[in-house]
Structure formats: C-alpha cells, structure tokens
Amino acid sequence: MLRVSAVAVFLATGLISSALALDEAAQTPASQEQVKKLVALWHQHMDGAHTLIEQRSAFEKFMDSTPQPTRVQIKRVDADGVEGDLMWPARLHHAIGTRAILYIHGGGFFSGSPRSDRALAGTLAKAASADVLLIDYRRTPEYQFPAQIDDALNAYRWLLESGYRNDNIVIVGVQVGGTIAIGTTLRQMQVNGPLPAAVIVMSPITDFAATGASLDGNADSDPLFGKSEFDALRKAYLEKHSPTDPAVSPLYADLSGFPPLLMQVGSHETLRDDTLRLASKAQTAGVDVTTEVWAGMVHQWQLFPFWLDDARRANQKVAEFAIAHFADKPQE
C-alpha cells in the first residue's frame, strides 16, 4: 500500500503547479525563516569549494561546527572490514542490543562521514531505542561503484553475524546513503538472504539517467543540490557504468519482494521526482510504501535537527517507522 501526503498526491497526478501552491500554504513562516538561515550557512561554508576533494573538506568543516549528540555512547568498530561507529542510548553497560539501525550517510558518494551524521543518528538511537551503526564506507573519487554498496552489504551481514536478527534491523540512508541502502537490499534479495525489517531513505538518487522533471523544475528552489552537483557525482561514481543499469539506478530494478519502505523528500528538492517515481514503481510491485513530501524543504534537511523544527519532526517520523517494523519493539 502506498501512503502519501496531500502534496505527493498532487505530484503523482501531474498537477505540479497545484502541488507547489499547496506546499507554500503548508509551510509556516517560522519554517521558511529557518530554512533561509540554513541556506545562508551552507553558502558561507561551501561557496568557493569546486573540486570534489575541496567540497569534501568544506562539508566536513561545516558539520564539525554543528552540535554533537548528547546522551549517547559511541564505540569505534570494524564491521567485517568496514570501519564505523556503533552508537547507543547512554546506559552503564552495553551488551548487544536487541534492535539495530544500519545508518548510511550521504555526501554525494565523495564526502560525508559518521561525524557529519551523528546528530541525526543520535536522535534515532534515542527515539527508536536502538543501536545505530554508522559506517565509514569507501568514497569517490578514490573508489567507484559498487564499492559503496559492497561496504554497506558487508556491514549489514556483520550485524547479522553479531547477533542481531534481520527482523530487528532497519536500514536508514540519507541522500546517496539512501541510494546505497536500496542497492544493498536489492543485492541481498538477489542471493535470497535475510532481509531487513524495513528500509528508510531520505532524498535518494534513484535515477542516474537524470530523467526526473524536478532536476530542472526545482533548480531555483534547492540551493543545496543542483544539476551541476548531480553531474559531477554521477561521473565520479559511475565512470563507465550505464546509468540505467538496475544495479546502479533502483528506478530500473525489479522491486518485487522489497521490505516495507519509507521515503522522505522535500517539495523544493531537485530530487523530488526520484522519490515519487520510485515510490510509484514500488507500489506497483506490491511493496508497502510510505511517502512523505515535506513542504518547503531543501535537500538533506533532516541532518539539521538542531536548527530546523521540520528536521526534528521528520526524524521522529523515521524513528516511529523503525519502531513499527522492529519485531521486538521497545518497552514503553
């Protein structure tokens, strides 16, 4: 079953202008002001960074300036050759927990790290009462597809080997981390391996052929991710791989049998249609899909719960979806 917001219904039926009108009415003035301040900070840190390596450094410095999570504990682990941070709600001792979230950060495949996403991951650890594994997967331009999916798959299987049951594991991915999360699950399906209880993705790229209308239609409303950024990361990630290869672009994959799926996207994002089209295809394949289109939000807004009220609300929705699909739910 596909559950969508009112905005998504308008978009799915092709009434783009009506959807945007509804969107502007839905977003509060306070939310608009918060997004405006975020965009200004983004430009302050990211303008002038041109190469992928320069952008990686600028993004890390930006996220280093943001608050660290509180009331959590963090341990560095080796997840079958993939380094990562295991985070859990603060308590005196940590035997292996019951529930786990495999968290895959974004950053265009070339940037981002466990540090950049700790605030969001910490929120999920506490709200979902779960252990969260933030993996430090290999990045471009040093490593191309499918190294990133290989690393995520190894980390997922490490969780299984460590004692977490698959029906108590949820995979969460932000931006291209969402792309990797879907690709990881599809790879696990190909070998008939145990699947996660659910998959949650936030603004993923699902079509590297770049056929989504919002790439151009929202070019002026999403200053955090545009067509030029898309082209640069696609070139570094794919090299000579076909953008319509189902292993690369989930939009062209067979989604039959995919676990329950939550997709979040901002109405102002250039990648809005990547979410809506995959959600529609998943629904046709019989997948239990929940789609949330957040009014006025720009790319990867969920990373900033310390600045955006809508990020805090979106993160709570993610935690609630995870809890609803864990086999062993937290005690209230």
C-alpha atoms as a PDB file:
ATOM      1  CA  MET A   1       0.000   0.000   0.000  1.00  0.00           C
ATOM      2  CA  LEU A   2       1.273   3.480  -0.860  1.00  0.00           C
ATOM      3  CA  ARG A   3       0.600   6.125   1.770  1.00  0.00           C
ATOM      4  CA  VAL A   4       1.379   9.666   0.660  1.00  0.00           C
ATOM      5  CA  SER A   5       0.921  13.218   1.819  1.00  0.00           C
ATOM      6  CA  ALA A   6      -1.505  15.554   0.066  1.00  0.00           C
ATOM      7  CA  VAL A   7       1.368  17.185  -1.784  1.00  0.00           C
ATOM      8  CA  ALA A   8       2.555  13.841  -3.132  1.00  0.00           C
ATOM      9  CA  VAL A   9      -0.920  13.058  -4.427  1.00  0.00           C
ATOM     10  CA  PHE A  10      -0.914  16.234  -6.492  1.00  0.00           C
ATOM     11  CA  LEU A  11       2.571  15.500  -7.792  1.00  0.00           C
ATOM     12  CA  ALA A  12       1.752  11.918  -8.704  1.00  0.00           C
ATOM     13  CA  THR A  13      -1.201  13.088 -10.770  1.00  0.00           C
ATOM     14  CA  GLY A  14       0.928  15.609 -12.619  1.00  0.00           C
ATOM     15  CA  LEU A  15      -0.591  18.771 -11.107  1.00  0.00           C
ATOM     16  CA  ILE A  16       2.757  20.317 -10.317  1.00  0.00           C
ATOM     17  CA  SER A  17       1.599  23.922 -10.061  1.00  0.00           C
ATOM     18  CA  SER A  18      -1.230  22.983  -7.682  1.00  0.00           C
ATOM     19  CA  ALA A  19       1.189  20.966  -5.548  1.00  0.00           C
ATOM     20  CA  LEU A  20       3.564  23.867  -5.138  1.00  0.00           C
ATOM     21  CA  ALA A  21       0.742  26.226  -4.265  1.00  0.00           C
ATOM     22  CA  LEU A  22      -0.403  23.807  -1.578  1.00  0.00           C
ATOM     23  CA  ASP A  23       3.178  23.453  -0.399  1.00  0.00           C
ATOM     24  CA  GLU A  24       3.676  27.180   0.120  1.00  0.00           C
ATOM     25  CA  ALA A  25       0.482  27.360   2.159  1.00  0.00           C
ATOM     26  CA  ALA A  26       1.538  24.390   4.284  1.00  0.00           C
ATOM     27  CA  GLN A  27       4.951  25.672   5.332  1.00  0.00           C
ATOM     28  CA  THR A  28       4.935  28.006   8.311  1.00  0.00           C
ATOM     29  CA  PRO A  29       6.723  31.381   8.289  1.00  0.00           C
ATOM     30  CA  ALA A  30       8.979  30.105  11.080  1.00  0.00           C
ATOM     31  CA  SER A  31       9.970  27.119   8.967  1.00  0.00           C
ATOM     32  CA  GLN A  32      10.684  29.331   5.979  1.00  0.00           C
ATOM     33  CA  GLU A  33      12.957  31.520   8.096  1.00  0.00           C
ATOM     34  CA  GLN A  34      14.819  28.510   9.498  1.00  0.00           C
ATOM     35  CA  VAL A  35      15.463  27.135   6.009  1.00  0.00           C
ATOM     36  CA  LYS A  36      16.639  30.558   4.853  1.00  0.00           C
ATOM     37  CA  LYS A  37      19.210  30.684   7.656  1.00  0.00           C
ATOM     38  CA  LEU A  38      20.379  27.136   6.879  1.00  0.00           C
ATOM     39  CA  VAL A  39      20.894  28.017   3.214  1.00  0.00           C
ATOM     40  CA  ALA A  40      22.905  31.106   4.194  1.00  0.00           C
ATOM     41  CA  LEU A  41      25.160  28.999   6.427  1.00  0.00           C
ATOM     42  CA  TRP A  42      25.532  26.440   3.647  1.00  0.00           C
ATOM     43  CA  HIS A  43      26.736  29.078   1.196  1.00  0.00           C
ATOM     44  CA  GLN A  44      29.050  30.546   3.820  1.00  0.00           C
ATOM     45  CA  HIS A  45      30.871  27.244   4.161  1.00  0.00           C
ATOM     46  CA  MET A  46      30.522  25.683   0.705  1.00  0.00           C
ATOM     47  CA  ASP A  47      30.934  28.569  -1.753  1.00  0.00           C
ATOM     48  CA  GLY A  48      34.419  28.534  -3.245  1.00  0.00           C
ATOM     49  CA  ALA A  49      34.824  24.761  -2.986  1.00  0.00           C
ATOM     50  CA  HIS A  50      34.964  23.468  -6.556  1.00  0.00           C
ATOM     51  CA  THR A  51      36.623  20.048  -6.769  1.00  0.00           C
ATOM     52  CA  LEU A  52      35.151  17.015  -5.034  1.00  0.00           C
ATOM     53  CA  ILE A  53      38.031  16.968  -2.546  1.00  0.00           C
ATOM     54  CA  GLU A  54      37.564  20.669  -1.772  1.00  0.00           C
ATOM     55  CA  GLN A  55      33.840  20.117  -1.272  1.00  0.00           C
ATOM     56  CA  ARG A  56      34.540  17.138   0.975  1.00  0.00           C
ATOM     57  CA  SER A  57      36.786  19.259   3.177  1.00  0.00           C
ATOM     58  CA  ALA A  58      34.343  22.171   3.255  1.00  0.00           C
ATOM     59  CA  PHE A  59      31.430  19.936   4.203  1.00  0.00           C
ATOM     60  CA  GLU A  60      33.403  18.280   6.990  1.00  0.00           C
ATOM     61  CA  LYS A  61      34.362  21.681   8.412  1.00  0.00           C
ATOM     62  CA  PHE A  62      30.747  22.784   8.199  1.00  0.00           C
ATOM     63  CA  MET A  63      29.464  19.723  10.029  1.00  0.00           C
ATOM     64  CA  ASP A  64      32.302  19.900  12.564  1.00  0.00           C
ATOM     65  CA  SER A  65      30.824  23.253  13.612  1.00  0.00           C
ATOM     66  CA  THR A  66      27.445  21.684  14.425  1.00  0.00           C
ATOM     67  CA  PRO A  67      26.409  20.224  17.811  1.00  0.00           C
ATOM     68  CA  GLN A  68      27.364  16.694  18.775  1.00  0.00           C
ATOM     69  CA  PRO A  69      24.622  14.343  20.003  1.00  0.00           C
ATOM     70  CA  THR A  70      24.057  14.060  23.723  1.00  0.00           C
ATOM     71  CA  ARG A  71      23.084  11.136  25.969  1.00  0.00           C
ATOM     72  CA  VAL A  72      24.599   8.556  23.654  1.00  0.00           C
ATOM     73  CA  GLN A  73      27.707   6.394  23.766  1.00  0.00           C
ATOM     74  CA  ILE A  74      29.908   5.701  20.759  1.00  0.00           C
ATOM     75  CA  LYS A  75      32.349   2.886  20.097  1.00  0.00           C
ATOM     76  CA  ARG A  76      34.577   2.506  17.031  1.00  0.00           C
ATOM     77  CA  VAL A  77      34.105  -0.925  15.430  1.00  0.00           C
ATOM     78  CA  ASP A  78      35.368  -2.960  12.497  1.00  0.00           C
ATOM     79  CA  ALA A  79      32.304  -4.355  10.724  1.00  0.00           C
ATOM     80  CA  ASP A  80      33.900  -7.074   8.603  1.00  0.00           C
ATOM     81  CA  GLY A  81      36.498  -4.712   7.171  1.00  0.00           C
ATOM     82  CA  VAL A  82      34.252  -1.647   7.165  1.00  0.00           C
ATOM     83  CA  GLU A  83      35.048   0.847   9.897  1.00  0.00           C
ATOM     84  CA  GLY A  84      32.195   2.547  11.653  1.00  0.00           C
ATOM     85  CA  ASP A  85      30.801   3.997  14.856  1.00  0.00           C
ATOM     86  CA  LEU A  86      28.388   1.947  16.934  1.00  0.00           C
ATOM     87  CA  MET A  87      26.125   4.319  18.863  1.00  0.00           C
ATOM     88  CA  TRP A  88      23.563   3.510  21.503  1.00  0.00           C
ATOM     89  CA  PRO A  89      21.448   5.399  24.054  1.00  0.00           C
ATOM     90  CA  ALA A  90      23.545   6.155  27.117  1.00  0.00           C
ATOM     91  CA  ARG A  91      23.454   3.446  29.746  1.00  0.00           C
ATOM     92  CA  LEU A  92      26.013   1.992  32.120  1.00  0.00           C
ATOM     93  CA  HIS A  93      26.838  -1.141  30.175  1.00  0.00           C
ATOM     94  CA  HIS A  94      26.371  -2.235  26.609  1.00  0.00           C
ATOM     95  CA  ALA A  95      25.738  -5.837  25.919  1.00  0.00           C
ATOM     96  CA  ILE A  96      24.496  -6.349  22.397  1.00  0.00           C
ATOM     97  CA  GLY A  97      21.162  -4.626  21.974  1.00  0.00           C
ATOM     98  CA  THR A  98      18.005  -6.110  20.524  1.00  0.00           C
ATOM     99  CA  ARG A  99      17.359  -3.622  17.739  1.00  0.00           C
ATOM    100  CA  ALA A 100      19.812  -2.147  15.242  1.00  0.00           C
ATOM    101  CA  ILE A 101      19.771   0.569  12.613  1.00  0.00           C
ATOM    102  CA  LEU A 102      22.352   0.401   9.845  1.00  0.00           C
ATOM    103  CA  TYR A 103      22.884   4.075   9.058  1.00  0.00           C
ATOM    104  CA  ILE A 104      24.404   5.095   5.707  1.00  0.00           C
ATOM    105  CA  HIS A 105      25.433   8.730   5.430  1.00  0.00           C
ATOM    106  CA  GLY A 106      25.081  10.921   2.372  1.00  0.00           C
ATOM    107  CA  GLY A 107      27.520  13.348   0.800  1.00  0.00           C
ATOM    108  CA  GLY A 108      27.323  12.624  -2.918  1.00  0.00           C
ATOM    109  CA  PHE A 109      29.459   9.452  -2.548  1.00  0.00           C
ATOM    110  CA  PHE A 110      32.556  11.655  -2.160  1.00  0.00           C
ATOM    111  CA  SER A 111      32.001  13.318   1.228  1.00  0.00           C
ATOM    112  CA  GLY A 112      30.173  12.863   4.491  1.00  0.00           C
ATOM    113  CA  SER A 113      31.219  10.619   7.378  1.00  0.00           C
ATOM    114  CA  PRO A 114      29.923   9.179  10.633  1.00  0.00           C
ATOM    115  CA  ARG A 115      30.819  12.520  12.249  1.00  0.00           C
ATOM    116  CA  SER A 116      28.727  14.540   9.814  1.00  0.00           C
ATOM    117  CA  ASP A 117      25.605  12.495  10.595  1.00  0.00           C
ATOM    118  CA  ARG A 118      25.992  11.888  14.316  1.00  0.00           C
ATOM    119  CA  ALA A 119      23.276  14.336  15.354  1.00  0.00           C
ATOM    120  CA  LEU A 120      20.644  12.591  13.235  1.00  0.00           C
ATOM    121  CA  ALA A 121      21.943   9.135  14.142  1.00  0.00           C
ATOM    122  CA  GLY A 122      21.917  10.024  17.837  1.00  0.00           C
ATOM    123  CA  THR A 123      18.341  11.208  17.553  1.00  0.00           C
ATOM    124  CA  LEU A 124      17.350   7.871  16.022  1.00  0.00           C
ATOM    125  CA  ALA A 125      19.254   5.847  18.621  1.00  0.00           C
ATOM    126  CA  LYS A 126      17.341   7.520  21.430  1.00  0.00           C
ATOM    127  CA  ALA A 127      13.945   7.828  19.759  1.00  0.00           C
ATOM    128  CA  ALA A 128      13.933   4.233  18.465  1.00  0.00           C
ATOM    129  CA  SER A 129      15.759   2.760  21.473  1.00  0.00           C
ATOM    130  CA  ALA A 130      18.162   1.061  19.078  1.00  0.00           C
ATOM    131  CA  ASP A 131      21.851   0.574  18.433  1.00  0.00           C
ATOM    132  CA  VAL A 132      22.939   2.556  15.378  1.00  0.00           C
ATOM    133  CA  LEU A 133      25.885   1.536  13.219  1.00  0.00           C
ATOM    134  CA  LEU A 134      27.207   4.475  11.184  1.00  0.00           C
ATOM    135  CA  ILE A 135      29.539   3.086   8.563  1.00  0.00           C
ATOM    136  CA  ASP A 136      32.538   4.834   7.022  1.00  0.00           C
ATOM    137  CA  TYR A 137      32.157   3.395   3.523  1.00  0.00           C
ATOM    138  CA  ARG A 138      34.672   3.983   0.731  1.00  0.00           C
ATOM    139  CA  ARG A 139      34.133   7.224  -1.168  1.00  0.00           C
ATOM    140  CA  THR A 140      34.728   8.612  -4.625  1.00  0.00           C
ATOM    141  CA  PRO A 141      36.812   9.696  -6.436  1.00  0.00           C
ATOM    142  CA  GLU A 142      39.130   7.109  -4.867  1.00  0.00           C
ATOM    143  CA  TYR A 143      36.572   4.284  -5.184  1.00  0.00           C
ATOM    144  CA  GLN A 144      33.695   3.909  -7.623  1.00  0.00           C
ATOM    145  CA  PHE A 145      30.536   1.803  -7.840  1.00  0.00           C
ATOM    146  CA  PRO A 146      29.970  -0.811  -6.457  1.00  0.00           C
ATOM    147  CA  ALA A 147      32.471  -0.331  -3.589  1.00  0.00           C
ATOM    148  CA  GLN A 148      29.970   1.683  -1.547  1.00  0.00           C
ATOM    149  CA  ILE A 149      27.247  -0.963  -1.805  1.00  0.00           C
ATOM    150  CA  ASP A 150      29.787  -3.714  -1.113  1.00  0.00           C
ATOM    151  CA  ASP A 151      30.746  -1.986   2.143  1.00  0.00           C
ATOM    152  CA  ALA A 152      27.138  -1.471   3.241  1.00  0.00           C
ATOM    153  CA  LEU A 153      26.299  -5.095   2.472  1.00  0.00           C
ATOM    154  CA  ASN A 154      29.285  -6.306   4.495  1.00  0.00           C
ATOM    155  CA  ALA A 155      28.180  -4.125   7.408  1.00  0.00           C
ATOM    156  CA  TYR A 156      24.615  -5.454   7.242  1.00  0.00           C
ATOM    157  CA  ARG A 157      25.845  -9.033   7.267  1.00  0.00           C
ATOM    158  CA  TRP A 158      28.187  -8.178  10.154  1.00  0.00           C
ATOM    159  CA  LEU A 159      25.171  -7.079  12.178  1.00  0.00           C
ATOM    160  CA  LEU A 160      23.550 -10.433  11.459  1.00  0.00           C
ATOM    161  CA  GLU A 161      26.705 -12.287  12.452  1.00  0.00           C
ATOM    162  CA  SER A 162      26.939 -10.202  15.638  1.00  0.00           C
ATOM    163  CA  GLY A 163      23.582 -11.496  16.847  1.00  0.00           C
ATOM    164  CA  TYR A 164      21.008  -9.003  15.603  1.00  0.00           C
ATOM    165  CA  ARG A 165      18.076 -10.718  13.896  1.00  0.00           C
ATOM    166  CA  ASN A 166      17.190  -9.419  10.455  1.00  0.00           C
ATOM    167  CA  ASP A 167      13.636  -8.634  11.593  1.00  0.00           C
ATOM    168  CA  ASN A 168      15.149  -6.303  14.198  1.00  0.00           C
ATOM    169  CA  ILE A 169      17.382  -4.427  11.714  1.00  0.00           C
ATOM    170  CA  VAL A 170      16.283  -1.342   9.793  1.00  0.00           C
ATOM    171  CA  ILE A 171      18.483   0.251   7.132  1.00  0.00           C
ATOM    172  CA  VAL A 172      18.444   4.064   7.003  1.00  0.00           C
ATOM    173  CA  GLY A 173      20.125   6.116   4.283  1.00  0.00           C
ATOM    174  CA  VAL A 174      20.396   9.874   3.741  1.00  0.00           C
ATOM    175  CA  GLN A 175      20.779  11.299   0.219  1.00  0.00           C
ATOM    176  CA  VAL A 176      23.082   8.901  -1.673  1.00  0.00           C
ATOM    177  CA  GLY A 177      23.113   6.854   1.511  1.00  0.00           C
ATOM    178  CA  GLY A 178      19.511   6.126   0.578  1.00  0.00           C
ATOM    179  CA  THR A 179      20.647   5.030  -2.861  1.00  0.00           C
ATOM    180  CA  ILE A 180      23.162   2.701  -1.230  1.00  0.00           C
ATOM    181  CA  ALA A 181      20.521   1.423   1.223  1.00  0.00           C
ATOM    182  CA  ILE A 182      18.207   0.419  -1.613  1.00  0.00           C
ATOM    183  CA  GLY A 183      21.066  -1.104  -3.605  1.00  0.00           C
ATOM    184  CA  THR A 184      22.235  -3.076  -0.574  1.00  0.00           C
ATOM    185  CA  THR A 185      18.776  -4.520  -0.029  1.00  0.00           C
ATOM    186  CA  LEU A 186      18.413  -5.433  -3.702  1.00  0.00           C
ATOM    187  CA  ARG A 187      21.769  -7.255  -3.564  1.00  0.00           C
ATOM    188  CA  GLN A 188      20.606  -9.186  -0.500  1.00  0.00           C
ATOM    189  CA  MET A 189      17.406 -10.095  -2.325  1.00  0.00           C
ATOM    190  CA  GLN A 190      19.399 -11.474  -5.265  1.00  0.00           C
ATOM    191  CA  VAL A 191      21.002 -14.121  -3.051  1.00  0.00           C
ATOM    192  CA  ASN A 192      17.772 -14.821  -1.125  1.00  0.00           C
ATOM    193  CA  GLY A 193      19.427 -13.616   2.053  1.00  0.00           C
ATOM    194  CA  PRO A 194      17.559 -12.470   5.157  1.00  0.00           C
ATOM    195  CA  LEU A 195      16.116  -9.012   4.539  1.00  0.00           C
ATOM    196  CA  PRO A 196      15.918  -6.080   6.947  1.00  0.00           C
ATOM    197  CA  ALA A 197      12.634  -5.351   8.693  1.00  0.00           C
ATOM    198  CA  ALA A 198      12.333  -2.082   6.773  1.00  0.00           C
ATOM    199  CA  VAL A 199      14.282   0.419   4.688  1.00  0.00           C
ATOM    200  CA  ILE A 200      14.107   4.195   5.207  1.00  0.00           C
ATOM    201  CA  VAL A 201      15.553   6.608   2.665  1.00  0.00           C
ATOM    202  CA  MET A 202      15.754  10.389   2.669  1.00  0.00           C
ATOM    203  CA  SER A 203      16.064  12.113  -0.713  1.00  0.00           C
ATOM    204  CA  PRO A 204      17.871   9.299  -2.560  1.00  0.00           C
ATOM    205  CA  ILE A 205      19.080   9.362  -6.136  1.00  0.00           C
ATOM    206  CA  THR A 206      17.132   6.597  -7.840  1.00  0.00           C
ATOM    207  CA  ASP A 207      17.739   7.514 -11.499  1.00  0.00           C
ATOM    208  CA  PHE A 208      21.271   8.286 -12.644  1.00  0.00           C
ATOM    209  CA  ALA A 209      19.926   8.813 -16.159  1.00  0.00           C
ATOM    210  CA  ALA A 210      18.601  12.115 -14.781  1.00  0.00           C
ATOM    211  CA  THR A 211      15.143  11.924 -16.340  1.00  0.00           C
ATOM    212  CA  GLY A 212      13.225  13.387 -13.379  1.00  0.00           C
ATOM    213  CA  ALA A 213      11.493  16.647 -14.240  1.00  0.00           C
ATOM    214  CA  SER A 214      12.279  18.190 -10.840  1.00  0.00           C
ATOM    215  CA  LEU A 215      16.017  18.259 -11.625  1.00  0.00           C
ATOM    216  CA  ASP A 216      15.252  21.266 -13.787  1.00  0.00           C
ATOM    217  CA  GLY A 217      11.891  22.296 -12.356  1.00  0.00           C
ATOM    218  CA  ASN A 218      13.257  22.772  -8.821  1.00  0.00           C
ATOM    219  CA  ALA A 219      16.659  24.098  -9.858  1.00  0.00           C
ATOM    220  CA  ASP A 220      15.909  27.520  -8.375  1.00  0.00           C
ATOM    221  CA  SER A 221      14.344  26.261  -5.146  1.00  0.00           C
ATOM    222  CA  ASP A 222      17.023  23.810  -3.919  1.00  0.00           C
ATOM    223  CA  PRO A 223      20.339  25.628  -3.438  1.00  0.00           C
ATOM    224  CA  LEU A 224      21.903  22.639  -1.669  1.00  0.00           C
ATOM    225  CA  PHE A 225      21.848  20.259  -4.634  1.00  0.00           C
ATOM    226  CA  GLY A 226      21.593  21.157  -8.317  1.00  0.00           C
ATOM    227  CA  LYS A 227      22.172  19.698 -11.753  1.00  0.00           C
ATOM    228  CA  SER A 228      25.891  20.546 -11.780  1.00  0.00           C
ATOM    229  CA  GLU A 229      26.411  18.722  -8.468  1.00  0.00           C
ATOM    230  CA  PHE A 230      24.438  15.780  -9.811  1.00  0.00           C
ATOM    231  CA  ASP A 231      26.552  15.581 -12.960  1.00  0.00           C
ATOM    232  CA  ALA A 232      29.822  15.732 -11.005  1.00  0.00           C
ATOM    233  CA  LEU A 233      28.947  12.987  -8.542  1.00  0.00           C
ATOM    234  CA  ARG A 234      27.461  10.798 -11.284  1.00  0.00           C
ATOM    235  CA  LYS A 235      30.669  10.986 -13.306  1.00  0.00           C
ATOM    236  CA  ALA A 236      32.846  10.160 -10.295  1.00  0.00           C
ATOM    237  CA  TYR A 237      30.599   7.342  -9.056  1.00  0.00           C
ATOM    238  CA  LEU A 238      29.685   5.549 -12.274  1.00  0.00           C
ATOM    239  CA  GLU A 239      32.677   6.043 -14.558  1.00  0.00           C
ATOM    240  CA  LYS A 240      31.695   3.754 -17.482  1.00  0.00           C
ATOM    241  CA  HIS A 241      28.685   2.033 -15.895  1.00  0.00           C
ATOM    242  CA  SER A 242      25.352   2.565 -17.588  1.00  0.00           C
ATOM    243  CA  PRO A 243      23.112   4.958 -15.617  1.00  0.00           C
ATOM    244  CA  THR A 244      20.110   2.755 -16.397  1.00  0.00           C
ATOM    245  CA  ASP A 245      21.725  -0.439 -15.052  1.00  0.00           C
ATOM    246  CA  PRO A 246      19.262  -1.674 -12.376  1.00  0.00           C
ATOM    247  CA  ALA A 247      22.201  -2.326 -10.065  1.00  0.00           C
ATOM    248  CA  VAL A 248      23.084   1.371 -10.348  1.00  0.00           C
ATOM    249  CA  SER A 249      19.689   3.075 -10.549  1.00  0.00           C
ATOM    250  CA  PRO A 250      16.951   1.491  -8.404  1.00  0.00           C
ATOM    251  CA  LEU A 251      14.268   3.058 -10.606  1.00  0.00           C
ATOM    252  CA  TYR A 252      15.060   0.401 -13.243  1.00  0.00           C
ATOM    253  CA  ALA A 253      15.221  -2.538 -10.809  1.00  0.00           C
ATOM    254  CA  ASP A 254      12.634  -5.199 -10.021  1.00  0.00           C
ATOM    255  CA  LEU A 255      11.333  -4.225  -6.588  1.00  0.00           C
ATOM    256  CA  SER A 256       9.077  -7.240  -6.054  1.00  0.00           C
ATOM    257  CA  GLY A 257       9.584  -8.567  -2.532  1.00  0.00           C
ATOM    258  CA  PHE A 258      11.264  -5.397  -1.224  1.00  0.00           C
ATOM    259  CA  PRO A 259      10.785  -4.762   2.520  1.00  0.00           C
ATOM    260  CA  PRO A 260       8.484  -2.011   3.840  1.00  0.00           C
ATOM    261  CA  LEU A 261       9.832   1.316   2.632  1.00  0.00           C
ATOM    262  CA  LEU A 262       9.629   4.876   3.976  1.00  0.00           C
ATOM    263  CA  MET A 263      10.716   7.645   1.612  1.00  0.00           C
ATOM    264  CA  GLN A 264      11.084  11.285   2.669  1.00  0.00           C
ATOM    265  CA  VAL A 265      11.744  14.179   0.297  1.00  0.00           C
ATOM    266  CA  GLY A 266      11.349  17.948   0.335  1.00  0.00           C
ATOM    267  CA  SER A 267       8.894  19.570  -2.041  1.00  0.00           C
ATOM    268  CA  HIS A 268      11.602  22.024  -3.141  1.00  0.00           C
ATOM    269  CA  GLU A 269      14.221  19.382  -3.903  1.00  0.00           C
ATOM    270  CA  THR A 270      15.701  18.716  -7.307  1.00  0.00           C
ATOM    271  CA  LEU A 271      15.497  15.011  -6.398  1.00  0.00           C
ATOM    272  CA  ARG A 272      11.791  15.131  -5.519  1.00  0.00           C
ATOM    273  CA  ASP A 273      10.777  13.129  -8.585  1.00  0.00           C
ATOM    274  CA  ASP A 274      13.430  10.478  -7.919  1.00  0.00           C
ATOM    275  CA  THR A 275      11.486   9.683  -4.761  1.00  0.00           C
ATOM    276  CA  LEU A 276       7.992   9.933  -6.211  1.00  0.00           C
ATOM    277  CA  ARG A 277       8.703   7.800  -9.267  1.00  0.00           C
ATOM    278  CA  LEU A 278      10.391   5.051  -7.266  1.00  0.00           C
ATOM    279  CA  ALA A 279       7.540   5.092  -4.761  1.00  0.00           C
ATOM    280  CA  SER A 280       5.061   4.641  -7.584  1.00  0.00           C
ATOM    281  CA  LYS A 281       7.057   1.770  -9.084  1.00  0.00           C
ATOM    282  CA  ALA A 282       7.417   0.104  -5.685  1.00  0.00           C
ATOM    283  CA  GLN A 283       3.685   0.344  -5.125  1.00  0.00           C
ATOM    284  CA  THR A 284       3.043  -1.317  -8.478  1.00  0.00           C
ATOM    285  CA  ALA A 285       5.409  -4.120  -7.402  1.00  0.00           C
ATOM    286  CA  GLY A 286       3.377  -4.689  -4.248  1.00  0.00           C
ATOM    287  CA  VAL A 287       5.783  -3.032  -1.801  1.00  0.00           C
ATOM    288  CA  ASP A 288       4.382  -1.439   1.368  1.00  0.00           C
ATOM    289  CA  VAL A 289       5.469   2.169   0.729  1.00  0.00           C
ATOM    290  CA  THR A 290       5.032   5.294   2.811  1.00  0.00           C
ATOM    291  CA  THR A 291       5.970   8.541   1.055  1.00  0.00           C
ATOM    292  CA  GLU A 292       6.367  11.878   2.819  1.00  0.00           C
ATOM    293  CA  VAL A 293       6.778  15.120   0.871  1.00  0.00           C
ATOM    294  CA  TRP A 294       7.796  17.868   3.289  1.00  0.00           C
ATOM    295  CA  ALA A 295       6.630  21.377   2.478  1.00  0.00           C
ATOM    296  CA  GLY A 296       9.364  23.813   1.516  1.00  0.00           C
ATOM    297  CA  MET A 297      12.255  21.556   2.492  1.00  0.00           C
ATOM    298  CA  VAL A 298      15.565  21.542   0.638  1.00  0.00           C
ATOM    299  CA  HIS A 299      17.998  18.685   0.166  1.00  0.00           C
ATOM    300  CA  GLN A 300      19.058  16.690   3.251  1.00  0.00           C
ATOM    301  CA  TRP A 301      17.277  18.999   5.696  1.00  0.00           C
ATOM    302  CA  GLN A 302      16.986  16.085   8.149  1.00  0.00           C
ATOM    303  CA  LEU A 303      20.683  16.474   9.046  1.00  0.00           C
ATOM    304  CA  PHE A 304      19.968  19.688  10.939  1.00  0.00           C
ATOM    305  CA  PRO A 305      17.585  18.912  13.832  1.00  0.00           C
ATOM    306  CA  PHE A 306      19.410  21.486  15.978  1.00  0.00           C
ATOM    307  CA  TRP A 307      18.306  24.272  13.576  1.00  0.00           C
ATOM    308  CA  LEU A 308      15.135  23.074  11.842  1.00  0.00           C
ATOM    309  CA  ASP A 309      11.859  22.174  13.536  1.00  0.00           C
ATOM    310  CA  ASP A 310      10.922  20.193  10.433  1.00  0.00           C
ATOM    311  CA  ALA A 311      14.114  18.151  10.737  1.00  0.00           C
ATOM    312  CA  ARG A 312      13.187  17.147  14.279  1.00  0.00           C
ATOM    313  CA  ARG A 313       9.691  16.181  13.159  1.00  0.00           C
ATOM    314  CA  ALA A 314      10.988  14.252  10.137  1.00  0.00           C
ATOM    315  CA  ASN A 315      13.498  12.385  12.315  1.00  0.00           C
ATOM    316  CA  GLN A 316      10.717  11.427  14.720  1.00  0.00           C
ATOM    317  CA  LYS A 317       8.730  10.031  11.780  1.00  0.00           C
ATOM    318  CA  VAL A 318      11.753   7.913  10.846  1.00  0.00           C
ATOM    319  CA  ALA A 319      12.086   6.585  14.391  1.00  0.00           C
ATOM    320  CA  GLU A 320       8.368   5.779  14.569  1.00  0.00           C
ATOM    321  CA  PHE A 321       8.532   3.886  11.269  1.00  0.00           C
ATOM    322  CA  ALA A 322      11.510   1.872  12.512  1.00  0.00           C
ATOM    323  CA  ILE A 323       9.779   1.025  15.797  1.00  0.00           C
ATOM    324  CA  ALA A 324       6.636  -0.042  13.959  1.00  0.00           C
ATOM    325  CA  HIS A 325       8.644  -2.591  11.945  1.00  0.00           C
ATOM    326  CA  PHE A 326      11.026  -3.975  14.574  1.00  0.00           C
ATOM    327  CA  ALA A 327       9.940  -7.470  15.597  1.00  0.00           C
ATOM    328  CA  ASP A 328      10.887  -6.686  19.224  1.00  0.00           C
ATOM    329  CA  LYS A 329       9.506  -3.253  19.927  1.00  0.00           C
ATOM    330  CA  PRO A 330      10.925  -1.059  22.716  1.00  0.00           C
ATOM    331  CA  GLN A 331       9.113  -1.211  26.031  1.00  0.00           C
ATOM    332  CA  GLU A 332       7.263   1.987  26.803  1.00  0.00           C
END
